[in-house]
Amino acid sequence: MPDWYVYMLRCSDGSVYTGVSTDVTRRLHEHRGGGARSARYLRTRRPVDMIFTQCVGERSAALIAEHAIKRLEKTEKERLARGVTTLDDVLARYALQRAKRRG
């Protein structure tokens, strides 16, 4: 089974896009190409630059990490991209938030 990665891209309008893939380089080229394989969100926000990528193992872990990152405010995404905070920190806070919601 291939390893899965979570990644973040900075768009031309300054927004941050988060996704998952088994081949981040291929996926970046697809996004930059703007064709049918590109995310619709990115088609009008090109060019895009990779600002964060991390291997997370299995697909389920990648999807959880993607959801946790998408729930962050932009400033927190920027801190993750700069290495000020780690994905482990983000996932730990996400798990705590989920536990609180469940009661």
PDB file of N, CA and C in Angstrom:
ATOM      1  N   MET A   1       0.835  -1.187   0.000  1.00  0.00           N
ATOM      2  CA  MET A   1       0.000   0.000   0.000  1.00  0.00           C
ATOM      3  C   MET A   1       0.881   1.253   0.000  1.00  0.00           C
ATOM      4  N   PRO A   2       0.532   2.218  -0.821  1.00  0.00           N
ATOM      5  CA  PRO A   2       1.336   3.449  -0.867  1.00  0.00           C
ATOM      6  C   PRO A   2       1.119   4.318   0.368  1.00  0.00           C
ATOM      7  N   ASP A   3       2.119   5.123   0.660  1.00  0.00           N
ATOM      8  CA  ASP A   3       1.973   6.101   1.738  1.00  0.00           C
ATOM      9  C   ASP A   3       1.127   7.268   1.250  1.00  0.00           C
ATOM     10  N   TRP A   4       0.339   7.823   2.159  1.00  0.00           N
ATOM     11  CA  TRP A   4      -0.494   8.982   1.863  1.00  0.00           C
ATOM     12  C   TRP A   4       0.115  10.217   2.508  1.00  0.00           C
ATOM     13  N   TYR A   5      -0.056  11.332   1.837  1.00  0.00           N
ATOM     14  CA  TYR A   5       0.468  12.619   2.291  1.00  0.00           C
ATOM     15  C   TYR A   5      -0.669  13.623   2.405  1.00  0.00           C
ATOM     16  N   VAL A   6      -0.532  14.519   3.356  1.00  0.00           N
ATOM     17  CA  VAL A   6      -1.392  15.690   3.425  1.00  0.00           C
ATOM     18  C   VAL A   6      -0.529  16.862   2.991  1.00  0.00           C
ATOM     19  N   TYR A   7      -1.123  17.795   2.239  1.00  0.00           N
ATOM     20  CA  TYR A   7      -0.342  18.918   1.729  1.00  0.00           C
ATOM     21  C   TYR A   7      -1.179  20.196   1.764  1.00  0.00           C
ATOM     22  N   MET A   8      -0.473  21.332   1.756  1.00  0.00           N
ATOM     23  CA  MET A   8      -1.119  22.634   1.666  1.00  0.00           C
ATOM     24  C   MET A   8      -0.474  23.424   0.540  1.00  0.00           C
ATOM     25  N   LEU A   9      -1.311  24.138  -0.202  1.00  0.00           N
ATOM     26  CA  LEU A   9      -0.854  24.986  -1.292  1.00  0.00           C
ATOM     27  C   LEU A   9      -1.264  26.422  -1.012  1.00  0.00           C
ATOM     28  N   ARG A  10      -0.385  27.364  -1.341  1.00  0.00           N
ATOM     29  CA  ARG A  10      -0.746  28.769  -1.276  1.00  0.00           C
ATOM     30  C   ARG A  10      -1.189  29.183  -2.674  1.00  0.00           C
ATOM     31  N   CYS A  11      -2.356  29.791  -2.748  1.00  0.00           N
ATOM     32  CA  CYS A  11      -2.929  30.232  -4.012  1.00  0.00           C
ATOM     33  C   CYS A  11      -2.522  31.673  -4.315  1.00  0.00           C
ATOM     34  N   SER A  12      -2.726  32.082  -5.550  1.00  0.00           N
ATOM     35  CA  SER A  12      -2.350  33.436  -5.974  1.00  0.00           C
ATOM     36  C   SER A  12      -3.105  34.515  -5.209  1.00  0.00           C
ATOM     37  N   ASP A  13      -4.297  34.203  -4.682  1.00  0.00           N
ATOM     38  CA  ASP A  13      -5.055  35.185  -3.911  1.00  0.00           C
ATOM     39  C   ASP A  13      -4.709  35.157  -2.421  1.00  0.00           C
ATOM     40  N   GLY A  14      -3.703  34.335  -2.041  1.00  0.00           N
ATOM     41  CA  GLY A  14      -3.267  34.250  -0.648  1.00  0.00           C
ATOM     42  C   GLY A  14      -3.974  33.194   0.168  1.00  0.00           C
ATOM     43  N   SER A  15      -5.023  32.598  -0.375  1.00  0.00           N
ATOM     44  CA  SER A  15      -5.728  31.546   0.362  1.00  0.00           C
ATOM     45  C   SER A  15      -4.879  30.283   0.411  1.00  0.00           C
ATOM     46  N   VAL A  16      -5.262  29.365   1.303  1.00  0.00           N
ATOM     47  CA  VAL A  16      -4.528  28.118   1.489  1.00  0.00           C
ATOM     48  C   VAL A  16      -5.465  26.950   1.187  1.00  0.00           C
ATOM     49  N   TYR A  17      -5.022  26.065   0.304  1.00  0.00           N
ATOM     50  CA  TYR A  17      -5.783  24.877  -0.077  1.00  0.00           C
ATOM     51  C   TYR A  17      -5.123  23.664   0.553  1.00  0.00           C
ATOM     52  N   THR A  18      -5.920  22.749   1.085  1.00  0.00           N
ATOM     53  CA  THR A  18      -5.406  21.533   1.712  1.00  0.00           C
ATOM     54  C   THR A  18      -5.948  20.311   0.976  1.00  0.00           C
ATOM     55  N   GLY A  19      -5.083  19.316   0.765  1.00  0.00           N
ATOM     56  CA  GLY A  19      -5.499  18.096   0.097  1.00  0.00           C
ATOM     57  C   GLY A  19      -4.664  16.908   0.539  1.00  0.00           C
ATOM     58  N   VAL A  20      -4.997  15.740  -0.014  1.00  0.00           N
ATOM     59  CA  VAL A  20      -4.255  14.514   0.268  1.00  0.00           C
ATOM     60  C   VAL A  20      -3.924  13.824  -1.046  1.00  0.00           C
ATOM     61  N   SER A  21      -2.829  13.061  -1.042  1.00  0.00           N
ATOM     62  CA  SER A  21      -2.419  12.344  -2.248  1.00  0.00           C
ATOM     63  C   SER A  21      -1.358  11.315  -1.895  1.00  0.00           C
ATOM     64  N   THR A  22      -1.189  10.344  -2.778  1.00  0.00           N
ATOM     65  CA  THR A  22      -0.088   9.395  -2.641  1.00  0.00           C
ATOM     66  C   THR A  22       1.138   9.880  -3.411  1.00  0.00           C
ATOM     67  N   ASP A  23       0.940  10.847  -4.304  1.00  0.00           N
ATOM     68  CA  ASP A  23       2.030  11.404  -5.112  1.00  0.00           C
ATOM     69  C   ASP A  23       1.855  12.916  -5.163  1.00  0.00           C
ATOM     70  N   VAL A  24       2.472  13.606  -4.236  1.00  0.00           N
ATOM     71  CA  VAL A  24       2.285  15.047  -4.085  1.00  0.00           C
ATOM     72  C   VAL A  24       2.825  15.807  -5.298  1.00  0.00           C
ATOM     73  N   THR A  25       3.932  15.374  -5.855  1.00  0.00           N
ATOM     74  CA  THR A  25       4.511  16.057  -7.019  1.00  0.00           C
ATOM     75  C   THR A  25       3.548  15.985  -8.205  1.00  0.00           C
ATOM     76  N   ARG A  26       3.014  14.799  -8.472  1.00  0.00           N
ATOM     77  CA  ARG A  26       2.054  14.637  -9.563  1.00  0.00           C
ATOM     78  C   ARG A  26       0.821  15.498  -9.321  1.00  0.00           C
ATOM     79  N   ARG A  27       0.341  15.490  -8.087  1.00  0.00           N
ATOM     80  CA  ARG A  27      -0.870  16.241  -7.758  1.00  0.00           C
ATOM     81  C   ARG A  27      -0.647  17.749  -7.922  1.00  0.00           C
ATOM     82  N   LEU A  28       0.525  18.235  -7.531  1.00  0.00           N
ATOM     83  CA  LEU A  28       0.840  19.645  -7.699  1.00  0.00           C
ATOM     84  C   LEU A  28       0.815  20.012  -9.182  1.00  0.00           C
ATOM     85  N   HIS A  29       1.386  19.170 -10.036  1.00  0.00           N
ATOM     86  CA  HIS A  29       1.380  19.426 -11.475  1.00  0.00           C
ATOM     87  C   HIS A  29      -0.045  19.421 -12.023  1.00  0.00           C
ATOM     88  N   GLU A  30      -0.891  18.535 -11.515  1.00  0.00           N
ATOM     89  CA  GLU A  30      -2.293  18.512 -11.941  1.00  0.00           C
ATOM     90  C   GLU A  30      -2.997  19.803 -11.550  1.00  0.00           C
ATOM     91  N   HIS A  31      -2.767  20.253 -10.316  1.00  0.00           N
ATOM     92  CA  HIS A  31      -3.381  21.502  -9.864  1.00  0.00           C
ATOM     93  C   HIS A  31      -2.886  22.690 -10.693  1.00  0.00           C
ATOM     94  N   ARG A  32      -1.604  22.723 -10.949  1.00  0.00           N
ATOM     95  CA  ARG A  32      -1.029  23.834 -11.725  1.00  0.00           C
ATOM     96  C   ARG A  32      -1.527  23.824 -13.167  1.00  0.00           C
ATOM     97  N   GLY A  33      -1.819  22.638 -13.679  1.00  0.00           N
ATOM     98  CA  GLY A  33      -2.297  22.528 -15.054  1.00  0.00           C
ATOM     99  C   GLY A  33      -3.701  23.063 -15.252  1.00  0.00           C
ATOM    100  N   GLY A  34      -4.516  23.021 -14.211  1.00  0.00           N
ATOM    101  CA  GLY A  34      -5.856  23.572 -14.292  1.00  0.00           C
ATOM    102  C   GLY A  34      -6.850  22.760 -15.088  1.00  0.00           C
ATOM    103  N   GLY A  35      -6.502  21.565 -15.474  1.00  0.00           N
ATOM    104  CA  GLY A  35      -7.404  20.727 -16.262  1.00  0.00           C
ATOM    105  C   GLY A  35      -8.442  20.016 -15.403  1.00  0.00           C
ATOM    106  N   ALA A  36      -8.999  18.977 -15.961  1.00  0.00           N
ATOM    107  CA  ALA A  36     -10.066  18.226 -15.296  1.00  0.00           C
ATOM    108  C   ALA A  36      -9.598  17.581 -13.994  1.00  0.00           C
ATOM    109  N   ARG A  37      -8.315  17.287 -13.861  1.00  0.00           N
ATOM    110  CA  ARG A  37      -7.793  16.647 -12.647  1.00  0.00           C
ATOM    111  C   ARG A  37      -7.452  17.662 -11.556  1.00  0.00           C
ATOM    112  N   SER A  38      -7.531  18.936 -11.865  1.00  0.00           N
ATOM    113  CA  SER A  38      -7.250  19.985 -10.889  1.00  0.00           C
ATOM    114  C   SER A  38      -8.475  20.205 -10.001  1.00  0.00           C
ATOM    115  N   ALA A  39      -8.243  20.600  -8.767  1.00  0.00           N
ATOM    116  CA  ALA A  39      -9.354  20.936  -7.883  1.00  0.00           C
ATOM    117  C   ALA A  39     -10.056  22.178  -8.422  1.00  0.00           C
ATOM    118  N   ARG A  40     -11.362  22.158  -8.432  1.00  0.00           N
ATOM    119  CA  ARG A  40     -12.140  23.286  -8.953  1.00  0.00           C
ATOM    120  C   ARG A  40     -11.769  24.593  -8.245  1.00  0.00           C
ATOM    121  N   TYR A  41     -11.559  24.517  -6.925  1.00  0.00           N
ATOM    122  CA  TYR A  41     -11.207  25.703  -6.135  1.00  0.00           C
ATOM    123  C   TYR A  41      -9.963  26.389  -6.683  1.00  0.00           C
ATOM    124  N   LEU A  42      -9.022  25.610  -7.179  1.00  0.00           N
ATOM    125  CA  LEU A  42      -7.734  26.160  -7.604  1.00  0.00           C
ATOM    126  C   LEU A  42      -7.716  26.689  -9.034  1.00  0.00           C
ATOM    127  N   ARG A  43      -8.696  26.343  -9.819  1.00  0.00           N
ATOM    128  CA  ARG A  43      -8.667  26.700 -11.242  1.00  0.00           C
ATOM    129  C   ARG A  43      -8.613  28.202 -11.480  1.00  0.00           C
ATOM    130  N   THR A  44      -9.209  28.984 -10.604  1.00  0.00           N
ATOM    131  CA  THR A  44      -9.176  30.444 -10.768  1.00  0.00           C
ATOM    132  C   THR A  44      -8.176  31.105  -9.828  1.00  0.00           C
ATOM    133  N   ARG A  45      -7.419  30.305  -9.095  1.00  0.00           N
ATOM    134  CA  ARG A  45      -6.483  30.845  -8.104  1.00  0.00           C
ATOM    135  C   ARG A  45      -5.030  30.446  -8.390  1.00  0.00           C
ATOM    136  N   ARG A  46      -4.734  30.126  -9.633  1.00  0.00           N
ATOM    137  CA  ARG A  46      -3.373  29.758  -9.988  1.00  0.00           C
ATOM    138  C   ARG A  46      -2.548  30.993 -10.237  1.00  0.00           C
ATOM    139  N   PRO A  47      -1.255  30.936 -10.075  1.00  0.00           N
ATOM    140  CA  PRO A  47      -0.453  29.760  -9.743  1.00  0.00           C
ATOM    141  C   PRO A  47      -0.522  29.409  -8.259  1.00  0.00           C
ATOM    142  N   VAL A  48      -0.167  28.175  -7.981  1.00  0.00           N
ATOM    143  CA  VAL A  48      -0.147  27.688  -6.605  1.00  0.00           C
ATOM    144  C   VAL A  48       1.263  27.215  -6.259  1.00  0.00           C
ATOM    145  N   ASP A  49       1.607  27.352  -4.978  1.00  0.00           N
ATOM    146  CA  ASP A  49       2.912  26.906  -4.490  1.00  0.00           C
ATOM    147  C   ASP A  49       2.724  25.995  -3.300  1.00  0.00           C
ATOM    148  N   MET A  50       3.522  24.935  -3.245  1.00  0.00           N
ATOM    149  CA  MET A  50       3.496  24.007  -2.117  1.00  0.00           C
ATOM    150  C   MET A  50       4.101  24.698  -0.900  1.00  0.00           C
ATOM    151  N   ILE A  51       3.359  24.711   0.220  1.00  0.00           N
ATOM    152  CA  ILE A  51       3.893  25.327   1.442  1.00  0.00           C
ATOM    153  C   ILE A  51       4.036  24.318   2.576  1.00  0.00           C
ATOM    154  N   PHE A  52       3.425  23.127   2.430  1.00  0.00           N
ATOM    155  CA  PHE A  52       3.526  22.120   3.485  1.00  0.00           C
ATOM    156  C   PHE A  52       3.200  20.764   2.892  1.00  0.00           C
ATOM    157  N   THR A  53       3.940  19.761   3.297  1.00  0.00           N
ATOM    158  CA  THR A  53       3.616  18.379   2.959  1.00  0.00           C
ATOM    159  C   THR A  53       4.174  17.481   4.048  1.00  0.00           C
ATOM    160  N   GLN A  54       3.409  16.454   4.379  1.00  0.00           N
ATOM    161  CA  GLN A  54       3.880  15.495   5.376  1.00  0.00           C
ATOM    162  C   GLN A  54       3.246  14.136   5.114  1.00  0.00           C
ATOM    163  N   CYS A  55       4.066  13.118   5.195  1.00  0.00           N
ATOM    164  CA  CYS A  55       3.585  11.749   5.064  1.00  0.00           C
ATOM    165  C   CYS A  55       2.851  11.379   6.343  1.00  0.00           C
ATOM    166  N   VAL A  56       1.652  10.827   6.194  1.00  0.00           N
ATOM    167  CA  VAL A  56       0.862  10.447   7.371  1.00  0.00           C
ATOM    168  C   VAL A  56       0.502   8.964   7.380  1.00  0.00           C
ATOM    169  N   GLY A  57       0.954   8.210   6.380  1.00  0.00           N
ATOM    170  CA  GLY A  57       0.742   6.760   6.384  1.00  0.00           C
ATOM    171  C   GLY A  57      -0.464   6.339   5.568  1.00  0.00           C
ATOM    172  N   GLU A  58      -1.480   5.861   6.238  1.00  0.00           N
ATOM    173  CA  GLU A  58      -2.652   5.315   5.561  1.00  0.00           C
ATOM    174  C   GLU A  58      -3.621   6.409   5.117  1.00  0.00           C
ATOM    175  N   ARG A  59      -4.493   6.048   4.181  1.00  0.00           N
ATOM    176  CA  ARG A  59      -5.459   7.005   3.635  1.00  0.00           C
ATOM    177  C   ARG A  59      -6.351   7.585   4.727  1.00  0.00           C
ATOM    178  N   SER A  60      -6.799   6.763   5.649  1.00  0.00           N
ATOM    179  CA  SER A  60      -7.691   7.253   6.706  1.00  0.00           C
ATOM    180  C   SER A  60      -6.996   8.315   7.555  1.00  0.00           C
ATOM    181  N   ALA A  61      -5.721   8.124   7.849  1.00  0.00           N
ATOM    182  CA  ALA A  61      -4.967   9.117   8.617  1.00  0.00           C
ATOM    183  C   ALA A  61      -4.812  10.405   7.826  1.00  0.00           C
ATOM    184  N   ALA A  62      -4.626  10.287   6.515  1.00  0.00           N
ATOM    185  CA  ALA A  62      -4.493  11.472   5.666  1.00  0.00           C
ATOM    186  C   ALA A  62      -5.793  12.270   5.641  1.00  0.00           C
ATOM    187  N   LEU A  63      -6.918  11.579   5.564  1.00  0.00           N
ATOM    188  CA  LEU A  63      -8.211  12.269   5.535  1.00  0.00           C
ATOM    189  C   LEU A  63      -8.511  12.956   6.862  1.00  0.00           C
ATOM    190  N   ILE A  64      -8.136  12.328   7.960  1.00  0.00           N
ATOM    191  CA  ILE A  64      -8.306  12.951   9.276  1.00  0.00           C
ATOM    192  C   ILE A  64      -7.427  14.191   9.382  1.00  0.00           C
ATOM    193  N   ALA A  65      -6.169  14.078   8.952  1.00  0.00           N
ATOM    194  CA  ALA A  65      -5.257  15.222   8.998  1.00  0.00           C
ATOM    195  C   ALA A  65      -5.770  16.357   8.109  1.00  0.00           C
ATOM    196  N   GLU A  66      -6.271  16.015   6.931  1.00  0.00           N
ATOM    197  CA  GLU A  66      -6.818  17.032   6.026  1.00  0.00           C
ATOM    198  C   GLU A  66      -7.976  17.770   6.692  1.00  0.00           C
ATOM    199  N   HIS A  67      -8.879  17.043   7.304  1.00  0.00           N
ATOM    200  CA  HIS A  67     -10.038  17.659   7.961  1.00  0.00           C
ATOM    201  C   HIS A  67      -9.594  18.542   9.122  1.00  0.00           C
ATOM    202  N   ALA A  68      -8.625  18.065   9.900  1.00  0.00           N
ATOM    203  CA  ALA A  68      -8.123  18.850  11.031  1.00  0.00           C
ATOM    204  C   ALA A  68      -7.501  20.163  10.546  1.00  0.00           C
ATOM    205  N   ILE A  69      -6.739  20.111   9.469  1.00  0.00           N
ATOM    206  CA  ILE A  69      -6.105  21.319   8.936  1.00  0.00           C
ATOM    207  C   ILE A  69      -7.159  22.270   8.376  1.00  0.00           C
ATOM    208  N   LYS A  70      -8.143  21.735   7.667  1.00  0.00           N
ATOM    209  CA  LYS A  70      -9.182  22.584   7.083  1.00  0.00           C
ATOM    210  C   LYS A  70      -9.980  23.330   8.149  1.00  0.00           C
ATOM    211  N   ARG A  71     -10.054  22.794   9.347  1.00  0.00           N
ATOM    212  CA  ARG A  71     -10.788  23.440  10.439  1.00  0.00           C
ATOM    213  C   ARG A  71      -9.981  24.556  11.109  1.00  0.00           C
ATOM    214  N   LEU A  72      -8.694  24.641  10.807  1.00  0.00           N
ATOM    215  CA  LEU A  72      -7.845  25.676  11.396  1.00  0.00           C
ATOM    216  C   LEU A  72      -8.140  27.038  10.787  1.00  0.00           C
ATOM    217  N   GLU A  73      -7.893  28.076  11.576  1.00  0.00           N
ATOM    218  CA  GLU A  73      -7.924  29.422  11.024  1.00  0.00           C
ATOM    219  C   GLU A  73      -6.678  29.599  10.159  1.00  0.00           C
ATOM    220  N   LYS A  74      -6.736  30.565   9.262  1.00  0.00           N
ATOM    221  CA  LYS A  74      -5.623  30.764   8.329  1.00  0.00           C
ATOM    222  C   LYS A  74      -4.307  31.013   9.060  1.00  0.00           C
ATOM    223  N   THR A  75      -4.344  31.760  10.159  1.00  0.00           N
ATOM    224  CA  THR A  75      -3.106  32.030  10.898  1.00  0.00           C
ATOM    225  C   THR A  75      -2.480  30.746  11.426  1.00  0.00           C
ATOM    226  N   GLU A  76      -3.303  29.804  11.848  1.00  0.00           N
ATOM    227  CA  GLU A  76      -2.791  28.521  12.334  1.00  0.00           C
ATOM    228  C   GLU A  76      -2.231  27.681  11.186  1.00  0.00           C
ATOM    229  N   LYS A  77      -2.870  27.757  10.029  1.00  0.00           N
ATOM    230  CA  LYS A  77      -2.335  27.058   8.851  1.00  0.00           C
ATOM    231  C   LYS A  77      -0.959  27.606   8.495  1.00  0.00           C
ATOM    232  N   GLU A  78      -0.821  28.920   8.595  1.00  0.00           N
ATOM    233  CA  GLU A  78       0.463  29.554   8.300  1.00  0.00           C
ATOM    234  C   GLU A  78       1.530  29.114   9.304  1.00  0.00           C
ATOM    235  N   ARG A  79       1.166  28.990  10.572  1.00  0.00           N
ATOM    236  CA  ARG A  79       2.105  28.531  11.600  1.00  0.00           C
ATOM    237  C   ARG A  79       2.556  27.096  11.297  1.00  0.00           C
ATOM    238  N   LEU A  80       1.626  26.264  10.851  1.00  0.00           N
ATOM    239  CA  LEU A  80       1.962  24.890  10.479  1.00  0.00           C
ATOM    240  C   LEU A  80       2.912  24.893   9.279  1.00  0.00           C
ATOM    241  N   ALA A  81       2.622  25.714   8.298  1.00  0.00           N
ATOM    242  CA  ALA A  81       3.460  25.781   7.097  1.00  0.00           C
ATOM    243  C   ALA A  81       4.877  26.259   7.425  1.00  0.00           C
ATOM    244  N   ARG A  82       5.005  27.174   8.378  1.00  0.00           N
ATOM    245  CA  ARG A  82       6.323  27.699   8.760  1.00  0.00           C
ATOM    246  C   ARG A  82       7.052  26.789   9.734  1.00  0.00           C
ATOM    247  N   GLY A  83       6.395  25.765  10.256  1.00  0.00           N
ATOM    248  CA  GLY A  83       7.031  24.849  11.194  1.00  0.00           C
ATOM    249  C   GLY A  83       6.983  25.324  12.631  1.00  0.00           C
ATOM    250  N   VAL A  84       6.201  26.373  12.908  1.00  0.00           N
ATOM    251  CA  VAL A  84       6.059  26.875  14.273  1.00  0.00           C
ATOM    252  C   VAL A  84       5.270  25.871  15.123  1.00  0.00           C
ATOM    253  N   THR A  85       4.297  25.243  14.491  1.00  0.00           N
ATOM    254  CA  THR A  85       3.540  24.171  15.132  1.00  0.00           C
ATOM    255  C   THR A  85       3.685  22.921  14.270  1.00  0.00           C
ATOM    256  N   THR A  86       3.386  21.768  14.838  1.00  0.00           N
ATOM    257  CA  THR A  86       3.534  20.508  14.099  1.00  0.00           C
ATOM    258  C   THR A  86       2.169  19.911  13.789  1.00  0.00           C
ATOM    259  N   LEU A  87       2.153  18.996  12.840  1.00  0.00           N
ATOM    260  CA  LEU A  87       0.915  18.300  12.519  1.00  0.00           C
ATOM    261  C   LEU A  87       0.448  17.482  13.721  1.00  0.00           C
ATOM    262  N   ASP A  88       1.371  16.934  14.491  1.00  0.00           N
ATOM    263  CA  ASP A  88       0.992  16.200  15.702  1.00  0.00           C
ATOM    264  C   ASP A  88       0.241  17.100  16.673  1.00  0.00           C
ATOM    265  N   ASP A  89       0.689  18.353  16.825  1.00  0.00           N
ATOM    266  CA  ASP A  89      -0.010  19.313  17.680  1.00  0.00           C
ATOM    267  C   ASP A  89      -1.423  19.578  17.161  1.00  0.00           C
ATOM    268  N   VAL A  90      -1.535  19.773  15.871  1.00  0.00           N
ATOM    269  CA  VAL A  90      -2.836  20.035  15.249  1.00  0.00           C
ATOM    270  C   VAL A  90      -3.775  18.859  15.475  1.00  0.00           C
ATOM    271  N   LEU A  91      -3.265  17.646  15.272  1.00  0.00           N
ATOM    272  CA  LEU A  91      -4.103  16.451  15.434  1.00  0.00           C
ATOM    273  C   LEU A  91      -4.504  16.229  16.884  1.00  0.00           C
ATOM    274  N   ALA A  92      -3.615  16.553  17.820  1.00  0.00           N
ATOM    275  CA  ALA A  92      -3.947  16.409  19.242  1.00  0.00           C
ATOM    276  C   ALA A  92      -5.066  17.370  19.624  1.00  0.00           C
ATOM    277  N   ARG A  93      -4.981  18.625  19.179  1.00  0.00           N
ATOM    278  CA  ARG A  93      -6.048  19.597  19.462  1.00  0.00           C
ATOM    279  C   ARG A  93      -7.356  19.192  18.801  1.00  0.00           C
ATOM    280  N   TYR A  94      -7.268  18.660  17.599  1.00  0.00           N
ATOM    281  CA  TYR A  94      -8.452  18.206  16.871  1.00  0.00           C
ATOM    282  C   TYR A  94      -9.131  17.061  17.626  1.00  0.00           C
ATOM    283  N   ALA A  95      -8.340  16.134  18.136  1.00  0.00           N
ATOM    284  CA  ALA A  95      -8.903  15.009  18.899  1.00  0.00           C
ATOM    285  C   ALA A  95      -9.589  15.503  20.171  1.00  0.00           C
ATOM    286  N   LEU A  96      -8.993  16.479  20.843  1.00  0.00           N
ATOM    287  CA  LEU A  96      -9.613  17.051  22.046  1.00  0.00           C
ATOM    288  C   LEU A  96     -10.932  17.742  21.714  1.00  0.00           C
ATOM    289  N   GLN A  97     -10.954  18.486  20.633  1.00  0.00           N
ATOM    290  CA  GLN A  97     -12.178  19.167  20.226  1.00  0.00           C
ATOM    291  C   GLN A  97     -13.278  18.175  19.895  1.00  0.00           C
ATOM    292  N   ARG A  98     -12.922  17.101  19.225  1.00  0.00           N
ATOM    293  CA  ARG A  98     -13.925  16.066  18.893  1.00  0.00           C
ATOM    294  C   ARG A  98     -14.456  15.402  20.134  1.00  0.00           C
ATOM    295  N   ALA A  99     -13.572  15.134  21.097  1.00  0.00           N
ATOM    296  CA  ALA A  99     -14.005  14.500  22.345  1.00  0.00           C
ATOM    297  C   ALA A  99     -14.961  15.404  23.125  1.00  0.00           C
ATOM    298  N   LYS A 100     -14.682  16.696  23.140  1.00  0.00           N
ATOM    299  CA  LYS A 100     -15.558  17.654  23.845  1.00  0.00           C
ATOM    300  C   LYS A 100     -16.926  17.710  23.191  1.00  0.00           C
ATOM    301  N   ARG A 101     -16.969  17.673  21.865  1.00  0.00           N
ATOM    302  CA  ARG A 101     -18.261  17.736  21.161  1.00  0.00           C
ATOM    303  C   ARG A 101     -19.103  16.494  21.415  1.00  0.00           C
ATOM    304  N   ARG A 102     -18.444  15.385  21.573  1.00  0.00           N
ATOM    305  CA  ARG A 102     -19.166  14.124  21.813  1.00  0.00           C
ATOM    306  C   ARG A 102     -19.701  14.028  23.242  1.00  0.00           C
ATOM    307  N   GLY A 103     -19.130  14.840  24.097  1.00  0.00           N
ATOM    308  CA  GLY A 103     -19.617  14.907  25.478  1.00  0.00           C
ATOM    309  C   GLY A 103     -18.963  13.969  26.329  1.00  0.00           C
TER     310      GLY A 103
END
